Amino acid sequence: MDVDVLKYFLTQGPFALLFVWLLIYVMRANREREGRLQDLLDKFSDKYDVIIGELRGIKERFPRHNEDR
């Protein structure tokens, strides 16, 4: 019985180590990518606020001619 268990772990051990290494590698890569994505979204949100402000300024300059539509 002990020999069978030992054989099982010897044959499956390298695959388990590879799986754990790959899991850690992917999690780190995802964390870095999500950080870059969050920075990009922050920049877009800053630009969005600027664009909305500009559109409101344009809207104030041109009043509606036919408000009953």
PDB file of N, CA and C in Angstrom:
ATOM      1  N   MET A   1       0.825  -1.194   0.000  1.00  0.00           N
ATOM      2  CA  MET A   1       0.000   0.000   0.000  1.00  0.00           C
ATOM      3  C   MET A   1       0.863   1.250   0.000  1.00  0.00           C
ATOM      4  N   ASP A   2       1.864   1.307   0.857  1.00  0.00           N
ATOM      5  CA  ASP A   2       2.728   2.480   0.926  1.00  0.00           C
ATOM      6  C   ASP A   2       3.497   2.678  -0.371  1.00  0.00           C
ATOM      7  N   VAL A   3       3.877   1.590  -1.010  1.00  0.00           N
ATOM      8  CA  VAL A   3       4.625   1.683  -2.259  1.00  0.00           C
ATOM      9  C   VAL A   3       3.741   2.255  -3.364  1.00  0.00           C
ATOM     10  N   ASP A   4       2.479   1.856  -3.381  1.00  0.00           N
ATOM     11  CA  ASP A   4       1.556   2.381  -4.390  1.00  0.00           C
ATOM     12  C   ASP A   4       1.347   3.886  -4.226  1.00  0.00           C
ATOM     13  N   VAL A   5       1.208   4.339  -3.000  1.00  0.00           N
ATOM     14  CA  VAL A   5       1.025   5.764  -2.738  1.00  0.00           C
ATOM     15  C   VAL A   5       2.276   6.541  -3.144  1.00  0.00           C
ATOM     16  N   LEU A   6       3.435   5.978  -2.823  1.00  0.00           N
ATOM     17  CA  LEU A   6       4.691   6.624  -3.174  1.00  0.00           C
ATOM     18  C   LEU A   6       4.835   6.712  -4.694  1.00  0.00           C
ATOM     19  N   LYS A   7       4.488   5.651  -5.398  1.00  0.00           N
ATOM     20  CA  LYS A   7       4.558   5.667  -6.862  1.00  0.00           C
ATOM     21  C   LYS A   7       3.605   6.709  -7.446  1.00  0.00           C
ATOM     22  N   TYR A   8       2.421   6.821  -6.850  1.00  0.00           N
ATOM     23  CA  TYR A   8       1.453   7.798  -7.336  1.00  0.00           C
ATOM     24  C   TYR A   8       2.011   9.209  -7.224  1.00  0.00           C
ATOM     25  N   PHE A   9       2.554   9.562  -6.061  1.00  0.00           N
ATOM     26  CA  PHE A   9       3.071  10.911  -5.883  1.00  0.00           C
ATOM     27  C   PHE A   9       4.323  11.165  -6.713  1.00  0.00           C
ATOM     28  N   LEU A  10       5.116  10.141  -6.953  1.00  0.00           N
ATOM     29  CA  LEU A  10       6.294  10.322  -7.804  1.00  0.00           C
ATOM     30  C   LEU A  10       5.897  10.574  -9.252  1.00  0.00           C
ATOM     31  N   THR A  11       4.830   9.928  -9.700  1.00  0.00           N
ATOM     32  CA  THR A  11       4.413  10.128 -11.083  1.00  0.00           C
ATOM     33  C   THR A  11       3.602  11.408 -11.254  1.00  0.00           C
ATOM     34  N   GLN A  12       2.824  11.801 -10.257  1.00  0.00           N
ATOM     35  CA  GLN A  12       1.977  12.981 -10.371  1.00  0.00           C
ATOM     36  C   GLN A  12       2.648  14.246  -9.835  1.00  0.00           C
ATOM     37  N   GLY A  13       3.716  14.125  -9.093  1.00  0.00           N
ATOM     38  CA  GLY A  13       4.383  15.270  -8.483  1.00  0.00           C
ATOM     39  C   GLY A  13       4.840  16.328  -9.476  1.00  0.00           C
ATOM     40  N   PRO A  14       5.543  15.954 -10.546  1.00  0.00           N
ATOM     41  CA  PRO A  14       5.988  16.969 -11.510  1.00  0.00           C
ATOM     42  C   PRO A  14       4.826  17.745 -12.135  1.00  0.00           C
ATOM     43  N   PHE A  15       3.720  17.055 -12.390  1.00  0.00           N
ATOM     44  CA  PHE A  15       2.568  17.742 -12.971  1.00  0.00           C
ATOM     45  C   PHE A  15       1.936  18.703 -11.965  1.00  0.00           C
ATOM     46  N   ALA A  16       1.914  18.303 -10.702  1.00  0.00           N
ATOM     47  CA  ALA A  16       1.364  19.183  -9.673  1.00  0.00           C
ATOM     48  C   ALA A  16       2.237  20.424  -9.527  1.00  0.00           C
ATOM     49  N   LEU A  17       3.551  20.256  -9.544  1.00  0.00           N
ATOM     50  CA  LEU A  17       4.451  21.404  -9.451  1.00  0.00           C
ATOM     51  C   LEU A  17       4.291  22.325 -10.663  1.00  0.00           C
ATOM     52  N   LEU A  18       4.180  21.729 -11.829  1.00  0.00           N
ATOM     53  CA  LEU A  18       3.979  22.525 -13.037  1.00  0.00           C
ATOM     54  C   LEU A  18       2.666  23.301 -12.961  1.00  0.00           C
ATOM     55  N   PHE A  19       1.623  22.657 -12.487  1.00  0.00           N
ATOM     56  CA  PHE A  19       0.331  23.323 -12.356  1.00  0.00           C
ATOM     57  C   PHE A  19       0.410  24.500 -11.388  1.00  0.00           C
ATOM     58  N   VAL A  20       1.027  24.299 -10.244  1.00  0.00           N
ATOM     59  CA  VAL A  20       1.137  25.367  -9.246  1.00  0.00           C
ATOM     60  C   VAL A  20       1.966  26.518  -9.796  1.00  0.00           C
ATOM     61  N   TRP A  21       3.080  26.216 -10.461  1.00  0.00           N
ATOM     62  CA  TRP A  21       3.906  27.267 -11.049  1.00  0.00           C
ATOM     63  C   TRP A  21       3.122  28.048 -12.102  1.00  0.00           C
ATOM     64  N   LEU A  22       2.409  27.338 -12.966  1.00  0.00           N
ATOM     65  CA  LEU A  22       1.625  27.992 -14.011  1.00  0.00           C
ATOM     66  C   LEU A  22       0.513  28.840 -13.413  1.00  0.00           C
ATOM     67  N   LEU A  23      -0.130  28.356 -12.372  1.00  0.00           N
ATOM     68  CA  LEU A  23      -1.185  29.113 -11.713  1.00  0.00           C
ATOM     69  C   LEU A  23      -0.637  30.418 -11.135  1.00  0.00           C
ATOM     70  N   ILE A  24       0.477  30.357 -10.450  1.00  0.00           N
ATOM     71  CA  ILE A  24       1.085  31.557  -9.871  1.00  0.00           C
ATOM     72  C   ILE A  24       1.521  32.524 -10.972  1.00  0.00           C
ATOM     73  N   TYR A  25       2.111  32.009 -12.035  1.00  0.00           N
ATOM     74  CA  TYR A  25       2.549  32.842 -13.155  1.00  0.00           C
ATOM     75  C   TYR A  25       1.365  33.586 -13.782  1.00  0.00           C
ATOM     76  N   VAL A  26       0.272  32.878 -14.019  1.00  0.00           N
ATOM     77  CA  VAL A  26      -0.906  33.482 -14.649  1.00  0.00           C
ATOM     78  C   VAL A  26      -1.529  34.516 -13.724  1.00  0.00           C
ATOM     79  N   MET A  27      -1.575  34.229 -12.436  1.00  0.00           N
ATOM     80  CA  MET A  27      -2.160  35.186 -11.494  1.00  0.00           C
ATOM     81  C   MET A  27      -1.336  36.474 -11.444  1.00  0.00           C
ATOM     82  N   ARG A  28      -0.028  36.371 -11.469  1.00  0.00           N
ATOM     83  CA  ARG A  28       0.821  37.571 -11.479  1.00  0.00           C
ATOM     84  C   ARG A  28       0.641  38.365 -12.768  1.00  0.00           C
ATOM     85  N   ALA A  29       0.599  37.665 -13.885  1.00  0.00           N
ATOM     86  CA  ALA A  29       0.420  38.341 -15.173  1.00  0.00           C
ATOM     87  C   ALA A  29      -0.935  39.052 -15.222  1.00  0.00           C
ATOM     88  N   ASN A  30      -1.972  38.411 -14.709  1.00  0.00           N
ATOM     89  CA  ASN A  30      -3.291  39.033 -14.688  1.00  0.00           C
ATOM     90  C   ASN A  30      -3.312  40.263 -13.790  1.00  0.00           C
ATOM     91  N   ARG A  31      -2.632  40.193 -12.664  1.00  0.00           N
ATOM     92  CA  ARG A  31      -2.594  41.335 -11.754  1.00  0.00           C
ATOM     93  C   ARG A  31      -1.918  42.529 -12.425  1.00  0.00           C
ATOM     94  N   GLU A  32      -0.828  42.283 -13.138  1.00  0.00           N
ATOM     95  CA  GLU A  32      -0.133  43.364 -13.839  1.00  0.00           C
ATOM     96  C   GLU A  32      -1.003  43.942 -14.961  1.00  0.00           C
ATOM     97  N   ARG A  33      -1.658  43.066 -15.709  1.00  0.00           N
ATOM     98  CA  ARG A  33      -2.500  43.518 -16.809  1.00  0.00           C
ATOM     99  C   ARG A  33      -3.695  44.318 -16.281  1.00  0.00           C
ATOM    100  N   GLU A  34      -4.300  43.875 -15.187  1.00  0.00           N
ATOM    101  CA  GLU A  34      -5.416  44.600 -14.612  1.00  0.00           C
ATOM    102  C   GLU A  34      -4.973  45.968 -14.089  1.00  0.00           C
ATOM    103  N   GLY A  35      -3.763  46.055 -13.573  1.00  0.00           N
ATOM    104  CA  GLY A  35      -3.241  47.343 -13.123  1.00  0.00           C
ATOM    105  C   GLY A  35      -3.086  48.308 -14.280  1.00  0.00           C
ATOM    106  N   ARG A  36      -2.559  47.822 -15.403  1.00  0.00           N
ATOM    107  CA  ARG A  36      -2.418  48.675 -16.589  1.00  0.00           C
ATOM    108  C   ARG A  36      -3.788  49.080 -17.135  1.00  0.00           C
ATOM    109  N   LEU A  37      -4.728  48.153 -17.114  1.00  0.00           N
ATOM    110  CA  LEU A  37      -6.071  48.454 -17.591  1.00  0.00           C
ATOM    111  C   LEU A  37      -6.736  49.504 -16.704  1.00  0.00           C
ATOM    112  N   GLN A  38      -6.540  49.400 -15.407  1.00  0.00           N
ATOM    113  CA  GLN A  38      -7.134  50.381 -14.502  1.00  0.00           C
ATOM    114  C   GLN A  38      -6.550  51.767 -14.746  1.00  0.00           C
ATOM    115  N   ASP A  39      -5.250  51.847 -14.998  1.00  0.00           N
ATOM    116  CA  ASP A  39      -4.626  53.139 -15.315  1.00  0.00           C
ATOM    117  C   ASP A  39      -5.225  53.732 -16.590  1.00  0.00           C
ATOM    118  N   LEU A  40      -5.415  52.893 -17.584  1.00  0.00           N
ATOM    119  CA  LEU A  40      -6.003  53.352 -18.846  1.00  0.00           C
ATOM    120  C   LEU A  40      -7.432  53.844 -18.638  1.00  0.00           C
ATOM    121  N   LEU A  41      -8.212  53.113 -17.860  1.00  0.00           N
ATOM    122  CA  LEU A  41      -9.583  53.534 -17.594  1.00  0.00           C
ATOM    123  C   LEU A  41      -9.630  54.844 -16.813  1.00  0.00           C
ATOM    124  N   ASP A  42      -8.693  55.045 -15.911  1.00  0.00           N
ATOM    125  CA  ASP A  42      -8.628  56.308 -15.180  1.00  0.00           C
ATOM    126  C   ASP A  42      -8.342  57.476 -16.126  1.00  0.00           C
ATOM    127  N   LYS A  43      -7.443  57.266 -17.070  1.00  0.00           N
ATOM    128  CA  LYS A  43      -7.137  58.319 -18.046  1.00  0.00           C
ATOM    129  C   LYS A  43      -8.353  58.621 -18.915  1.00  0.00           C
ATOM    130  N   PHE A  44      -9.070  57.579 -19.344  1.00  0.00           N
ATOM    131  CA  PHE A  44     -10.271  57.791 -20.140  1.00  0.00           C
ATOM    132  C   PHE A  44     -11.335  58.537 -19.352  1.00  0.00           C
ATOM    133  N   SER A  45     -11.474  58.220 -18.079  1.00  0.00           N
ATOM    134  CA  SER A  45     -12.502  58.899 -17.285  1.00  0.00           C
ATOM    135  C   SER A  45     -12.157  60.378 -17.117  1.00  0.00           C
ATOM    136  N   ASP A  46     -10.864  60.703 -16.996  1.00  0.00           N
ATOM    137  CA  ASP A  46     -10.467  62.108 -16.925  1.00  0.00           C
ATOM    138  C   ASP A  46     -10.825  62.832 -18.225  1.00  0.00           C
ATOM    139  N   LYS A  47     -10.558  62.221 -19.346  1.00  0.00           N
ATOM    140  CA  LYS A  47     -10.872  62.827 -20.642  1.00  0.00           C
ATOM    141  C   LYS A  47     -12.377  62.930 -20.840  1.00  0.00           C
ATOM    142  N   TYR A  48     -13.117  61.963 -20.340  1.00  0.00           N
ATOM    143  CA  TYR A  48     -14.575  61.978 -20.449  1.00  0.00           C
ATOM    144  C   TYR A  48     -15.135  63.216 -19.747  1.00  0.00           C
ATOM    145  N   ASP A  49     -14.628  63.518 -18.569  1.00  0.00           N
ATOM    146  CA  ASP A  49     -15.093  64.694 -17.837  1.00  0.00           C
ATOM    147  C   ASP A  49     -14.813  65.972 -18.622  1.00  0.00           C
ATOM    148  N   VAL A  50     -13.668  66.041 -19.266  1.00  0.00           N
ATOM    149  CA  VAL A  50     -13.329  67.213 -20.078  1.00  0.00           C
ATOM    150  C   VAL A  50     -14.291  67.343 -21.252  1.00  0.00           C
ATOM    151  N   ILE A  51     -14.559  66.252 -21.928  1.00  0.00           N
ATOM    152  CA  ILE A  51     -15.448  66.269 -23.095  1.00  0.00           C
ATOM    153  C   ILE A  51     -16.864  66.661 -22.681  1.00  0.00           C
ATOM    154  N   ILE A  52     -17.360  66.117 -21.579  1.00  0.00           N
ATOM    155  CA  ILE A  52     -18.702  66.470 -21.113  1.00  0.00           C
ATOM    156  C   ILE A  52     -18.772  67.954 -20.783  1.00  0.00           C
ATOM    157  N   GLY A  53     -17.732  68.490 -20.162  1.00  0.00           N
ATOM    158  CA  GLY A  53     -17.699  69.923 -19.864  1.00  0.00           C
ATOM    159  C   GLY A  53     -17.741  70.763 -21.132  1.00  0.00           C
ATOM    160  N   GLU A  54     -16.999  70.341 -22.139  1.00  0.00           N
ATOM    161  CA  GLU A  54     -17.004  71.069 -23.412  1.00  0.00           C
ATOM    162  C   GLU A  54     -18.375  71.007 -24.076  1.00  0.00           C
ATOM    163  N   LEU A  55     -19.008  69.854 -24.054  1.00  0.00           N
ATOM    164  CA  LEU A  55     -20.334  69.718 -24.659  1.00  0.00           C
ATOM    165  C   LEU A  55     -21.360  70.571 -23.933  1.00  0.00           C
ATOM    166  N   ARG A  56     -21.267  70.645 -22.636  1.00  0.00           N
ATOM    167  CA  ARG A  56     -22.194  71.502 -21.880  1.00  0.00           C
ATOM    168  C   ARG A  56     -21.981  72.973 -22.240  1.00  0.00           C
ATOM    169  N   GLY A  57     -20.721  73.368 -22.430  1.00  0.00           N
ATOM    170  CA  GLY A  57     -20.436  74.737 -22.839  1.00  0.00           C
ATOM    171  C   GLY A  57     -21.020  75.052 -24.203  1.00  0.00           C
ATOM    172  N   ILE A  58     -20.894  74.121 -25.122  1.00  0.00           N
ATOM    173  CA  ILE A  58     -21.456  74.315 -26.468  1.00  0.00           C
ATOM    174  C   ILE A  58     -22.974  74.383 -26.393  1.00  0.00           C
ATOM    175  N   LYS A  59     -23.558  73.536 -25.576  1.00  0.00           N
ATOM    176  CA  LYS A  59     -25.008  73.502 -25.437  1.00  0.00           C
ATOM    177  C   LYS A  59     -25.530  74.826 -24.872  1.00  0.00           C
ATOM    178  N   GLU A  60     -24.798  75.422 -23.964  1.00  0.00           N
ATOM    179  CA  GLU A  60     -25.218  76.705 -23.395  1.00  0.00           C
ATOM    180  C   GLU A  60     -25.126  77.833 -24.425  1.00  0.00           C
ATOM    181  N   ARG A  61     -24.208  77.745 -25.353  1.00  0.00           N
ATOM    182  CA  ARG A  61     -24.052  78.783 -26.372  1.00  0.00           C
ATOM    183  C   ARG A  61     -25.174  78.761 -27.401  1.00  0.00           C
ATOM    184  N   PHE A  62     -25.709  77.589 -27.663  1.00  0.00           N
ATOM    185  CA  PHE A  62     -26.739  77.427 -28.693  1.00  0.00           C
ATOM    186  C   PHE A  62     -28.037  76.985 -28.032  1.00  0.00           C
ATOM    187  N   PRO A  63     -28.895  77.924 -27.727  1.00  0.00           N
ATOM    188  CA  PRO A  63     -30.177  77.540 -27.112  1.00  0.00           C
ATOM    189  C   PRO A  63     -31.052  76.826 -28.146  1.00  0.00           C
ATOM    190  N   ARG A  64     -31.972  76.045 -27.651  1.00  0.00           N
ATOM    191  CA  ARG A  64     -32.875  75.310 -28.544  1.00  0.00           C
ATOM    192  C   ARG A  64     -33.830  76.292 -29.225  1.00  0.00           C
ATOM    193  N   HIS A  65     -34.038  76.066 -30.515  1.00  0.00           N
ATOM    194  CA  HIS A  65     -34.933  76.938 -31.267  1.00  0.00           C
ATOM    195  C   HIS A  65     -36.371  76.442 -31.163  1.00  0.00           C
ATOM    196  N   ASN A  66     -36.561  75.145 -31.211  1.00  0.00           N
ATOM    197  CA  ASN A  66     -37.909  74.565 -31.158  1.00  0.00           C
ATOM    198  C   ASN A  66     -37.973  73.609 -29.968  1.00  0.00           C
ATOM    199  N   GLU A  67     -38.357  74.141 -28.835  1.00  0.00           N
ATOM    200  CA  GLU A  67     -38.399  73.292 -27.642  1.00  0.00           C
ATOM    201  C   GLU A  67     -39.689  72.486 -27.554  1.00  0.00           C
ATOM    202  N   ASP A  68     -40.671  72.751 -28.378  1.00  0.00           N
ATOM    203  CA  ASP A  68     -41.943  72.024 -28.283  1.00  0.00           C
ATOM    204  C   ASP A  68     -41.931  70.712 -29.057  1.00  0.00           C
ATOM    205  N   ARG A  69     -40.872  70.357 -29.681  1.00  0.00           N
ATOM    206  CA  ARG A  69     -40.788  69.092 -30.435  1.00  0.00           C
ATOM    207  C   ARG A  69     -40.685  67.926 -29.518  1.00  0.00           C
TER     208      ARG A  69
END
